[in-house]
Amino acid sequence: SYTSALKNAVEYLDEETFRKKATGIVSVTTGRNGGIRGGLQMQQLALSIWSVPVPAMLLVSQVNEKFDEAGNLIDETFNKKIEFFIDEFLWMAEALNEKKKN
């Protein structure tokens, strides 16, 4: 689930802050499932505030095996997932931005 701080921030901000804007969901955990349940709840939250969640989530399972203590990526195969997520997010953000212009 999401934190009370995030809930408070969403409630504090105006609805237009999020309306028709791309939202990328990232979940980080030391567990094996990558925080899928929390990610799904975040997608539902994004939809409830009229944001547009990118279907692809970046689920970082076993984070201690992917990054060192300084935050450097040590699992190079995970880099492809990061790049895919960023590409999908940017595509969605650009598509929404173009639609707003028209």
C-alpha atoms as a PDB file:
ATOM      1  CA  SER A   1       0.000   0.000   0.000  1.00  0.00           C
ATOM      2  CA  TYR A   2       1.022   3.629  -0.128  1.00  0.00           C
ATOM      3  CA  THR A   3       2.100   5.767   2.807  1.00  0.00           C
ATOM      4  CA  SER A   4      -0.032   8.220   4.703  1.00  0.00           C
ATOM      5  CA  ALA A   5       2.365  10.976   3.566  1.00  0.00           C
ATOM      6  CA  LEU A   6       1.548  10.206  -0.066  1.00  0.00           C
ATOM      7  CA  LYS A   7      -2.165  10.063   0.721  1.00  0.00           C
ATOM      8  CA  ASN A   8      -1.953  13.460   2.433  1.00  0.00           C
ATOM      9  CA  ALA A   9      -0.028  14.946  -0.508  1.00  0.00           C
ATOM     10  CA  VAL A  10      -2.615  13.699  -3.001  1.00  0.00           C
ATOM     11  CA  GLU A  11      -5.460  15.084  -0.917  1.00  0.00           C
ATOM     12  CA  TYR A  12      -3.692  18.425  -0.451  1.00  0.00           C
ATOM     13  CA  LEU A  13      -2.948  19.047  -4.119  1.00  0.00           C
ATOM     14  CA  ASP A  14      -5.562  20.261  -6.567  1.00  0.00           C
ATOM     15  CA  GLU A  15      -7.159  17.667  -8.865  1.00  0.00           C
ATOM     16  CA  GLU A  16      -5.715  19.435 -11.915  1.00  0.00           C
ATOM     17  CA  THR A  17      -2.211  18.682 -10.627  1.00  0.00           C
ATOM     18  CA  PHE A  18      -2.559  15.089 -11.794  1.00  0.00           C
ATOM     19  CA  ARG A  19      -5.324  15.220 -14.407  1.00  0.00           C
ATOM     20  CA  LYS A  20      -4.326  13.617 -17.716  1.00  0.00           C
ATOM     21  CA  LYS A  21      -0.663  13.351 -16.742  1.00  0.00           C
ATOM     22  CA  ALA A  22       1.451  10.243 -17.104  1.00  0.00           C
ATOM     23  CA  THR A  23       2.313   8.399 -13.934  1.00  0.00           C
ATOM     24  CA  GLY A  24       5.109   5.858 -13.702  1.00  0.00           C
ATOM     25  CA  ILE A  25       4.847   3.334 -10.892  1.00  0.00           C
ATOM     26  CA  VAL A  26       8.066   2.040  -9.349  1.00  0.00           C
ATOM     27  CA  SER A  27       8.148  -0.397  -6.460  1.00  0.00           C
ATOM     28  CA  VAL A  28      11.300  -1.436  -4.621  1.00  0.00           C
ATOM     29  CA  THR A  29      11.666  -4.309  -2.171  1.00  0.00           C
ATOM     30  CA  THR A  30      14.150  -6.846  -0.896  1.00  0.00           C
ATOM     31  CA  GLY A  31      11.524  -9.535  -1.477  1.00  0.00           C
ATOM     32  CA  ARG A  32      10.992 -11.670  -4.572  1.00  0.00           C
ATOM     33  CA  ASN A  33       7.693 -10.245  -5.867  1.00  0.00           C
ATOM     34  CA  GLY A  34       8.917  -6.720  -6.468  1.00  0.00           C
ATOM     35  CA  GLY A  35       6.068  -5.062  -4.592  1.00  0.00           C
ATOM     36  CA  ILE A  36       3.471  -5.988  -7.209  1.00  0.00           C
ATOM     37  CA  ARG A  37       0.547  -5.515  -4.806  1.00  0.00           C
ATOM     38  CA  GLY A  38       1.704  -2.052  -3.803  1.00  0.00           C
ATOM     39  CA  GLY A  39       2.267  -1.194  -7.457  1.00  0.00           C
ATOM     40  CA  LEU A  40      -1.265  -2.250  -8.354  1.00  0.00           C
ATOM     41  CA  GLN A  41      -2.647  -0.111  -5.530  1.00  0.00           C
ATOM     42  CA  MET A  42      -0.622   2.830  -6.823  1.00  0.00           C
ATOM     43  CA  GLN A  43      -2.092   2.331 -10.300  1.00  0.00           C
ATOM     44  CA  GLN A  44      -5.580   2.419  -8.778  1.00  0.00           C
ATOM     45  CA  LEU A  45      -4.691   5.587  -6.879  1.00  0.00           C
ATOM     46  CA  ALA A  46      -3.402   7.189 -10.084  1.00  0.00           C
ATOM     47  CA  LEU A  47      -6.638   6.351 -11.889  1.00  0.00           C
ATOM     48  CA  SER A  48      -8.738   7.720  -9.030  1.00  0.00           C
ATOM     49  CA  ILE A  49      -7.066  11.138  -9.356  1.00  0.00           C
ATOM     50  CA  TRP A  50      -7.483  11.152 -13.153  1.00  0.00           C
ATOM     51  CA  SER A  51      -3.828  10.488 -13.826  1.00  0.00           C
ATOM     52  CA  VAL A  52      -2.832   8.039 -16.567  1.00  0.00           C
ATOM     53  CA  PRO A  53      -0.645   5.244 -15.200  1.00  0.00           C
ATOM     54  CA  VAL A  54       1.777   3.649 -17.622  1.00  0.00           C
ATOM     55  CA  PRO A  55       0.778  -0.030 -17.875  1.00  0.00           C
ATOM     56  CA  ALA A  56       4.381  -1.152 -17.441  1.00  0.00           C
ATOM     57  CA  MET A  57       5.565  -0.883 -13.852  1.00  0.00           C
ATOM     58  CA  LEU A  58       9.182  -1.002 -12.762  1.00  0.00           C
ATOM     59  CA  LEU A  59       9.182  -3.654 -10.053  1.00  0.00           C
ATOM     60  CA  VAL A  60      12.553  -3.869  -8.351  1.00  0.00           C
ATOM     61  CA  SER A  61      12.631  -7.151  -6.459  1.00  0.00           C
ATOM     62  CA  GLN A  62      15.653  -8.154  -4.403  1.00  0.00           C
ATOM     63  CA  VAL A  63      17.003  -4.620  -4.673  1.00  0.00           C
ATOM     64  CA  ASN A  64      20.087  -5.549  -2.657  1.00  0.00           C
ATOM     65  CA  GLU A  65      21.137  -7.829  -5.539  1.00  0.00           C
ATOM     66  CA  LYS A  66      20.564  -5.156  -8.202  1.00  0.00           C
ATOM     67  CA  PHE A  67      22.237  -2.121  -6.622  1.00  0.00           C
ATOM     68  CA  ASP A  68      25.210  -1.703  -4.321  1.00  0.00           C
ATOM     69  CA  GLU A  69      25.160   0.384  -1.144  1.00  0.00           C
ATOM     70  CA  ALA A  70      26.163   3.501  -3.109  1.00  0.00           C
ATOM     71  CA  GLY A  71      23.170   3.067  -5.450  1.00  0.00           C
ATOM     72  CA  ASN A  72      25.155   1.830  -8.440  1.00  0.00           C
ATOM     73  CA  LEU A  73      23.515  -0.770 -10.664  1.00  0.00           C
ATOM     74  CA  ILE A  74      25.323  -4.097 -10.316  1.00  0.00           C
ATOM     75  CA  ASP A  75      22.810  -6.282 -12.183  1.00  0.00           C
ATOM     76  CA  GLU A  76      23.369  -5.190 -15.782  1.00  0.00           C
ATOM     77  CA  THR A  77      20.510  -7.379 -17.065  1.00  0.00           C
ATOM     78  CA  PHE A  78      18.101  -5.242 -15.007  1.00  0.00           C
ATOM     79  CA  ASN A  79      19.155  -2.194 -17.013  1.00  0.00           C
ATOM     80  CA  LYS A  80      16.992  -3.418 -19.930  1.00  0.00           C
ATOM     81  CA  LYS A  81      13.917  -3.323 -17.674  1.00  0.00           C
ATOM     82  CA  ILE A  82      14.802   0.180 -16.541  1.00  0.00           C
ATOM     83  CA  GLU A  83      15.227   1.369 -20.124  1.00  0.00           C
ATOM     84  CA  PHE A  84      11.946  -0.254 -21.194  1.00  0.00           C
ATOM     85  CA  PHE A  85      10.095   1.408 -18.321  1.00  0.00           C
ATOM     86  CA  ILE A  86      11.575   4.821 -19.089  1.00  0.00           C
ATOM     87  CA  ASP A  87      10.789   4.467 -22.805  1.00  0.00           C
ATOM     88  CA  GLU A  88       7.166   3.536 -22.044  1.00  0.00           C
ATOM     89  CA  PHE A  89       6.796   6.405 -19.585  1.00  0.00           C
ATOM     90  CA  LEU A  90       8.243   8.947 -22.001  1.00  0.00           C
ATOM     91  CA  TRP A  91       6.022   7.674 -24.818  1.00  0.00           C
ATOM     92  CA  MET A  92       2.920   8.067 -22.647  1.00  0.00           C
ATOM     93  CA  ALA A  93       3.957  11.498 -21.382  1.00  0.00           C
ATOM     94  CA  GLU A  94       4.681  12.744 -24.898  1.00  0.00           C
ATOM     95  CA  ALA A  95       1.449  11.280 -26.289  1.00  0.00           C
ATOM     96  CA  LEU A  96      -0.615  12.968 -23.571  1.00  0.00           C
ATOM     97  CA  ASN A  97       1.240  16.225 -24.090  1.00  0.00           C
ATOM     98  CA  GLU A  98       0.563  16.139 -27.836  1.00  0.00           C
ATOM     99  CA  LYS A  99      -3.111  15.399 -27.237  1.00  0.00           C
ATOM    100  CA  LYS A 100      -3.359  18.421 -24.917  1.00  0.00           C
ATOM    101  CA  LYS A 101      -1.946  20.645 -27.669  1.00  0.00           C
ATOM    102  CA  ASN A 102      -4.631  19.579 -30.159  1.00  0.00           C
END
